[in-house]
N, C-alpha and C. Protein backbone atom coordinates (compact mmCIF):
# COMPACT_ATOMS: atom_id res chain seq x y z
N UNK A 1 79.91 28.41 70.73
CA UNK A 1 79.65 27.42 70.67
C UNK A 1 78.34 27.29 69.85
N UNK A 2 77.48 28.20 69.80
CA UNK A 2 76.77 28.49 68.72
C UNK A 2 76.93 28.08 67.38
N UNK A 3 77.70 28.11 67.18
CA UNK A 3 78.44 28.02 65.92
C UNK A 3 78.77 26.39 65.48
N UNK A 4 79.15 25.90 66.19
CA UNK A 4 79.07 24.01 66.14
C UNK A 4 77.76 23.39 66.06
N UNK A 5 76.81 23.91 67.03
CA UNK A 5 75.39 23.31 66.33
C UNK A 5 75.04 23.82 64.86
N UNK A 6 75.66 25.34 64.46
CA UNK A 6 75.19 25.54 63.29
C UNK A 6 75.58 25.14 62.17
N UNK A 7 77.02 24.60 62.29
CA UNK A 7 77.74 24.03 61.69
C UNK A 7 76.92 22.84 60.91
N UNK A 8 76.46 21.94 62.29
CA UNK A 8 76.38 20.73 61.88
C UNK A 8 75.17 20.44 61.43
N UNK A 9 74.26 21.51 61.39
CA UNK A 9 72.80 21.87 60.97
C UNK A 9 72.88 22.06 59.51
N UNK A 10 73.84 22.97 59.15
CA UNK A 10 74.19 23.22 57.86
C UNK A 10 75.04 22.04 57.03
N UNK A 11 75.89 21.33 57.53
CA UNK A 11 76.20 20.21 57.19
C UNK A 11 74.90 19.04 56.68
N UNK A 12 74.21 18.85 57.86
CA UNK A 12 72.94 17.79 57.56
C UNK A 12 71.94 18.52 56.52
N UNK A 13 72.00 19.67 56.19
CA UNK A 13 70.89 20.29 55.47
C UNK A 13 71.82 20.23 53.99
N UNK A 14 73.30 20.79 53.79
CA UNK A 14 73.85 20.22 52.75
C UNK A 14 74.28 18.95 52.59
N UNK A 15 74.09 17.83 53.70
CA UNK A 15 73.70 16.08 52.90
C UNK A 15 72.24 15.71 52.70
N UNK A 16 71.55 16.30 53.14
CA UNK A 16 69.84 16.10 52.20
C UNK A 16 69.71 17.18 50.85
N UNK A 17 70.50 18.01 50.82
CA UNK A 17 70.27 18.62 49.44
C UNK A 17 71.06 17.66 48.24
N UNK A 18 72.38 17.03 48.75
CA UNK A 18 73.26 16.55 48.11
C UNK A 18 72.18 15.15 47.30
N UNK A 19 71.98 14.69 48.54
CA UNK A 19 71.19 13.21 48.21
C UNK A 19 70.28 13.40 47.70
N UNK A 20 68.71 14.81 47.69
CA UNK A 20 68.06 15.24 46.85
C UNK A 20 68.12 14.83 45.86
N UNK A 21 69.43 16.08 45.14
CA UNK A 21 69.99 15.98 44.14
C UNK A 21 70.52 14.81 43.31
N UNK A 22 71.56 13.62 44.10
CA UNK A 22 71.52 12.25 43.72
C UNK A 22 70.25 11.78 43.21
N UNK A 23 69.36 11.75 44.16
CA UNK A 23 68.10 10.82 43.94
C UNK A 23 67.51 11.42 42.40
N UNK A 24 67.54 12.91 42.02
CA UNK A 24 66.85 13.60 40.97
C UNK A 24 68.04 12.78 39.89
N UNK A 25 68.85 13.26 39.69
CA UNK A 25 69.73 12.90 38.73
C UNK A 25 69.72 10.92 38.35
N UNK A 26 69.77 10.56 39.27
CA UNK A 26 69.40 8.87 39.30
C UNK A 26 68.49 8.68 38.87
N UNK A 27 67.16 9.19 39.20
CA UNK A 27 65.64 9.42 38.62
C UNK A 27 65.92 10.04 36.88
N UNK A 28 66.51 11.02 36.35
CA UNK A 28 66.78 11.12 35.05
C UNK A 28 67.44 10.65 34.55
N UNK A 29 68.50 9.72 34.79
CA UNK A 29 69.49 8.72 34.23
C UNK A 29 68.47 7.68 33.75
N UNK A 30 67.63 7.29 34.69
CA UNK A 30 67.14 5.89 34.88
C UNK A 30 65.96 6.07 33.66
N UNK A 31 65.18 7.21 33.84
CA UNK A 31 64.29 7.53 32.26
C UNK A 31 64.80 7.69 31.06
N UNK A 32 66.18 8.14 30.97
CA UNK A 32 66.85 8.27 29.84
C UNK A 32 67.52 6.82 29.69
N UNK A 33 67.53 5.99 30.29
CA UNK A 33 68.30 4.42 29.54
C UNK A 33 66.84 4.23 29.48
N UNK A 34 65.52 4.55 30.06
CA UNK A 34 64.41 3.37 29.41
C UNK A 34 64.25 3.94 27.91
N UNK A 35 63.96 5.01 27.97
CA UNK A 35 64.01 6.52 26.49
C UNK A 35 64.94 5.93 25.79
N UNK A 36 65.79 5.51 25.75
CA UNK A 36 67.45 5.17 24.93
C UNK A 36 66.72 3.49 24.71
N UNK A 37 66.31 2.67 25.38
CA UNK A 37 65.97 1.22 25.59
C UNK A 37 64.70 0.96 23.97
N UNK A 38 64.13 2.32 24.45
CA UNK A 38 62.73 2.39 23.39
C UNK A 38 63.00 2.64 21.68
N UNK A 39 63.77 3.43 21.79
CA UNK A 39 64.46 3.89 20.45
C UNK A 39 65.06 2.64 20.06
N UNK A 40 66.14 2.24 20.66
CA UNK A 40 66.46 1.02 20.10
C UNK A 40 65.61 -0.01 19.86
N UNK A 41 65.10 -0.28 20.69
CA UNK A 41 63.59 -1.51 20.07
C UNK A 41 63.42 -1.14 18.62
N UNK A 42 62.42 0.25 18.80
CA UNK A 42 62.43 0.74 17.27
C UNK A 42 63.24 0.64 16.13
N UNK A 43 64.72 1.12 16.48
CA UNK A 43 65.37 1.33 15.83
C UNK A 43 65.52 -0.31 15.02
N UNK A 44 65.58 -0.96 15.79
CA UNK A 44 65.50 -2.37 15.26
C UNK A 44 64.22 -2.94 14.79
N UNK A 45 63.32 -2.47 15.12
CA UNK A 45 62.26 -2.64 14.30
C UNK A 45 62.47 -2.24 12.91
N UNK A 46 62.58 -1.05 12.83
CA UNK A 46 62.73 -0.33 11.31
C UNK A 46 63.90 -0.96 10.50
N UNK A 47 64.99 -1.39 11.15
CA UNK A 47 65.80 -1.78 10.39
C UNK A 47 65.39 -3.20 9.95
N UNK A 48 64.88 -3.94 10.79
CA UNK A 48 64.28 -4.89 9.94
C UNK A 48 63.17 -5.22 8.57
N UNK A 49 62.14 -3.56 9.23
CA UNK A 49 61.65 -3.48 8.01
C UNK A 49 62.20 -3.32 6.33
N UNK A 50 62.99 -2.50 6.86
CA UNK A 50 63.87 -2.06 5.82
C UNK A 50 64.60 -3.33 4.77
N UNK A 51 65.36 -4.15 6.08
CA UNK A 51 65.55 -5.54 4.98
C UNK A 51 64.47 -6.12 4.59
N UNK A 52 63.38 -6.01 4.72
CA UNK A 52 62.35 -7.18 4.35
C UNK A 52 62.31 -6.37 2.99
N UNK A 53 61.77 -5.10 2.99
CA UNK A 53 61.51 -4.12 2.07
C UNK A 53 62.38 -3.95 1.26
N UNK A 54 63.74 -4.08 1.57
CA UNK A 54 64.69 -4.35 0.56
C UNK A 54 65.02 -5.81 0.14
N UNK A 55 64.17 -6.71 0.58
CA UNK A 55 64.54 -8.03 -0.19
C UNK A 55 62.92 -8.24 -1.38
N UNK A 56 62.23 -7.90 -0.67
CA UNK A 56 60.85 -7.39 -1.61
C UNK A 56 61.31 -6.64 -2.71
N UNK A 57 62.00 -5.43 -2.94
CA UNK A 57 62.62 -4.28 -4.06
C UNK A 57 63.02 -5.40 -5.01
N UNK A 58 64.46 -5.92 -3.88
CA UNK A 58 65.59 -6.31 -5.20
C UNK A 58 64.76 -7.63 -6.16
N UNK A 59 63.67 -8.41 -5.13
CA UNK A 59 63.06 -9.44 -6.15
C UNK A 59 62.50 -9.13 -7.19
N UNK A 60 61.57 -7.81 -6.68
CA UNK A 60 60.60 -7.27 -8.04
C UNK A 60 61.41 -6.93 -8.96
N UNK A 61 62.84 -5.96 -8.38
CA UNK A 61 63.57 -5.40 -9.69
C UNK A 61 64.29 -6.20 -10.55
N UNK A 62 64.62 -7.69 -10.31
CA UNK A 62 65.07 -8.35 -10.95
C UNK A 62 64.22 -9.13 -11.72
N UNK A 63 62.68 -9.23 -11.44
CA UNK A 63 61.70 -9.96 -12.24
C UNK A 63 61.64 -8.48 -13.51
N UNK A 64 61.57 -7.39 -12.90
CA UNK A 64 61.27 -6.26 -13.89
C UNK A 64 62.56 -6.59 -14.73
N UNK A 65 63.98 -6.59 -14.35
CA UNK A 65 64.76 -6.83 -15.59
C UNK A 65 64.59 -7.66 -16.29
N UNK A 66 64.24 -8.85 -15.93
CA UNK A 66 64.04 -10.20 -16.58
C UNK A 66 62.96 -9.99 -17.93
N UNK A 67 61.97 -9.40 -17.41
CA UNK A 67 60.87 -8.71 -18.29
C UNK A 67 61.80 -7.48 -19.45
N UNK A 68 62.23 -6.68 -18.90
CA UNK A 68 62.61 -6.27 -19.91
C UNK A 68 63.69 -6.43 -20.78
N UNK A 69 64.40 -7.69 -20.33
CA UNK A 69 65.30 -8.58 -21.28
C UNK A 69 64.15 -9.57 -22.29
N UNK A 70 63.65 -9.94 -22.02
CA UNK A 70 62.57 -10.47 -22.21
C UNK A 70 62.42 -9.59 -24.02
N UNK A 71 61.70 -8.31 -23.29
CA UNK A 71 60.90 -7.49 -24.43
C UNK A 71 62.02 -7.01 -25.24
N UNK A 72 63.19 -6.58 -25.10
CA UNK A 72 64.35 -6.31 -25.61
C UNK A 72 64.61 -7.40 -26.57
N UNK A 73 64.42 -8.39 -26.12
CA UNK A 73 64.79 -9.62 -27.18
C UNK A 73 64.23 -9.84 -28.25
N UNK A 74 62.43 -9.31 -28.14
CA UNK A 74 61.63 -9.78 -29.23
C UNK A 74 61.16 -8.33 -29.63
N UNK A 75 61.57 -7.75 -28.79
CA UNK A 75 60.92 -6.37 -29.76
C UNK A 75 61.08 -5.93 -31.06
N UNK A 76 60.56 -5.28 -31.98
CA UNK A 76 61.08 -5.62 -33.44
C UNK A 76 61.32 -3.31 -33.49
N UNK A 77 62.47 -3.37 -34.02
CA UNK A 77 62.57 -1.75 -34.24
C UNK A 77 62.34 -1.31 -35.28
N UNK A 78 62.05 0.05 -35.46
CA UNK A 78 61.53 0.38 -36.60
C UNK A 78 62.03 0.29 -38.38
N UNK A 79 63.30 0.37 -38.12
CA UNK A 79 64.21 -0.42 -39.11
C UNK A 79 64.27 -1.60 -39.64
N UNK A 80 63.57 -2.51 -38.55
CA UNK A 80 63.75 -3.98 -39.00
C UNK A 80 62.42 -3.92 -39.47
N UNK A 81 61.21 -3.11 -38.74
CA UNK A 81 60.06 -3.34 -39.29
C UNK A 81 59.77 -2.31 -40.93
N UNK A 82 60.76 -1.86 -40.70
CA UNK A 82 60.60 -1.19 -42.37
C UNK A 82 61.38 -2.17 -43.25
N UNK A 83 62.04 -3.06 -42.98
CA UNK A 83 62.79 -3.81 -43.91
C UNK A 83 62.02 -5.03 -44.29
N UNK A 84 61.24 -5.23 -43.03
CA UNK A 84 60.26 -6.29 -43.22
C UNK A 84 59.48 -6.24 -44.49
N UNK A 85 58.68 -4.91 -44.21
CA UNK A 85 57.42 -3.98 -44.81
C UNK A 85 58.09 -4.11 -46.37
N UNK A 86 59.65 -3.50 -46.26
CA UNK A 86 60.19 -3.63 -48.02
C UNK A 86 60.68 -4.54 -48.95
N UNK A 87 60.01 -6.10 -47.69
CA UNK A 87 60.66 -7.08 -48.21
C UNK A 87 59.14 -7.92 -48.72
N UNK A 88 58.22 -7.22 -48.19
CA UNK A 88 56.43 -8.24 -48.27
C UNK A 88 56.14 -7.42 -49.62
N UNK A 89 56.27 -5.97 -49.55
CA UNK A 89 56.26 -5.18 -51.07
C UNK A 89 56.74 -6.12 -52.29
N UNK A 90 58.48 -6.51 -51.99
CA UNK A 90 58.75 -6.60 -53.34
C UNK A 90 58.90 -8.56 -53.21
N UNK A 91 58.09 -8.86 -52.55
CA UNK A 91 57.49 -10.19 -52.65
C UNK A 91 55.85 -10.07 -53.42
N UNK A 92 55.01 -9.56 -52.87
CA UNK A 92 54.15 -9.12 -53.81
C UNK A 92 54.17 -8.66 -54.94
N UNK A 93 54.97 -8.09 -55.40
CA UNK A 93 55.44 -7.20 -56.88
C UNK A 93 55.44 -8.18 -57.54
N UNK A 94 56.35 -9.45 -56.81
CA UNK A 94 57.24 -10.01 -57.89
C UNK A 94 55.31 -10.78 -57.60
N UNK A 95 55.06 -11.18 -57.41
CA UNK A 95 53.62 -12.21 -56.95
C UNK A 95 52.90 -11.88 -58.02
N UNK A 96 52.67 -10.29 -58.04
CA UNK A 96 52.09 -9.97 -59.32
C UNK A 96 52.37 -9.74 -60.69
N UNK A 97 53.47 -9.45 -60.63
CA UNK A 97 54.25 -9.56 -62.21
C UNK A 97 54.22 -10.83 -62.92
N UNK A 98 54.53 -12.08 -61.91
CA UNK A 98 54.12 -13.65 -62.08
C UNK A 98 52.78 -14.17 -62.67
N UNK A 99 51.84 -13.10 -61.72
CA UNK A 99 50.24 -13.28 -62.15
C UNK A 99 49.83 -12.77 -63.22
N UNK A 100 50.46 -11.86 -63.29
CA UNK A 100 50.30 -10.85 -64.96
C UNK A 100 50.54 -11.64 -65.75
N UNK A 101 52.13 -12.20 -65.37
CA UNK A 101 52.67 -12.87 -67.17
C UNK A 101 51.99 -14.18 -67.18
N UNK A 102 51.33 -14.39 -66.29
CA UNK A 102 50.73 -15.93 -66.61
C UNK A 102 49.31 -15.75 -67.26
N UNK A 103 48.55 -14.82 -66.73
CA UNK A 103 47.52 -14.18 -67.00
C UNK A 103 47.65 -13.88 -68.88
N UNK A 104 48.64 -13.24 -69.00
CA UNK A 104 49.41 -13.14 -70.20
C UNK A 104 49.51 -13.94 -71.02
N UNK A 105 50.40 -15.07 -70.84
CA UNK A 105 50.39 -16.40 -71.40
C UNK A 105 49.02 -17.36 -71.48
N UNK A 106 48.06 -17.27 -70.65
CA UNK A 106 46.61 -17.33 -70.80
C UNK A 106 46.51 -17.09 -71.97
N UNK A 107 45.70 -15.78 -72.15
CA UNK A 107 45.38 -15.06 -73.13
C UNK A 107 46.35 -15.46 -74.27
N UNK A 108 47.31 -15.34 -74.44
CA UNK A 108 47.70 -15.91 -75.87
C UNK A 108 47.73 -17.06 -76.33
N UNK A 109 47.52 -18.08 -75.47
CA UNK A 109 47.14 -19.51 -75.65
C UNK A 109 45.95 -19.48 -76.06
N UNK A 110 45.42 -18.66 -75.57
CA UNK A 110 43.94 -18.96 -76.03
C UNK A 110 43.47 -18.18 -77.24
N UNK A 111 44.04 -17.24 -77.24
CA UNK A 111 43.99 -16.90 -78.66
C UNK A 111 44.38 -16.93 -79.97
């Protein structure tokens, strides 16, 4: 008959241990859920910041592309510069030749 009170006592102790274990597990689950909510909030804030930064970067990229296009349209290449230099030299040569001819004609008419 001593076994029945011992069995009841053991069952009561087992029940208490199970309840304490469940309480601990529930507390840990609640803590994990709270941490998960904080992580989700941080993730949402970071995602929003990334989107804002992406928008700013896209705007800047578009502006830089426009500036580059303008520079490319207005830029003078080395070959174009060489051609312009040749043309200027040719024009100056013709002008010097014409000036020389005019001076020669003036000297001939005076002489």
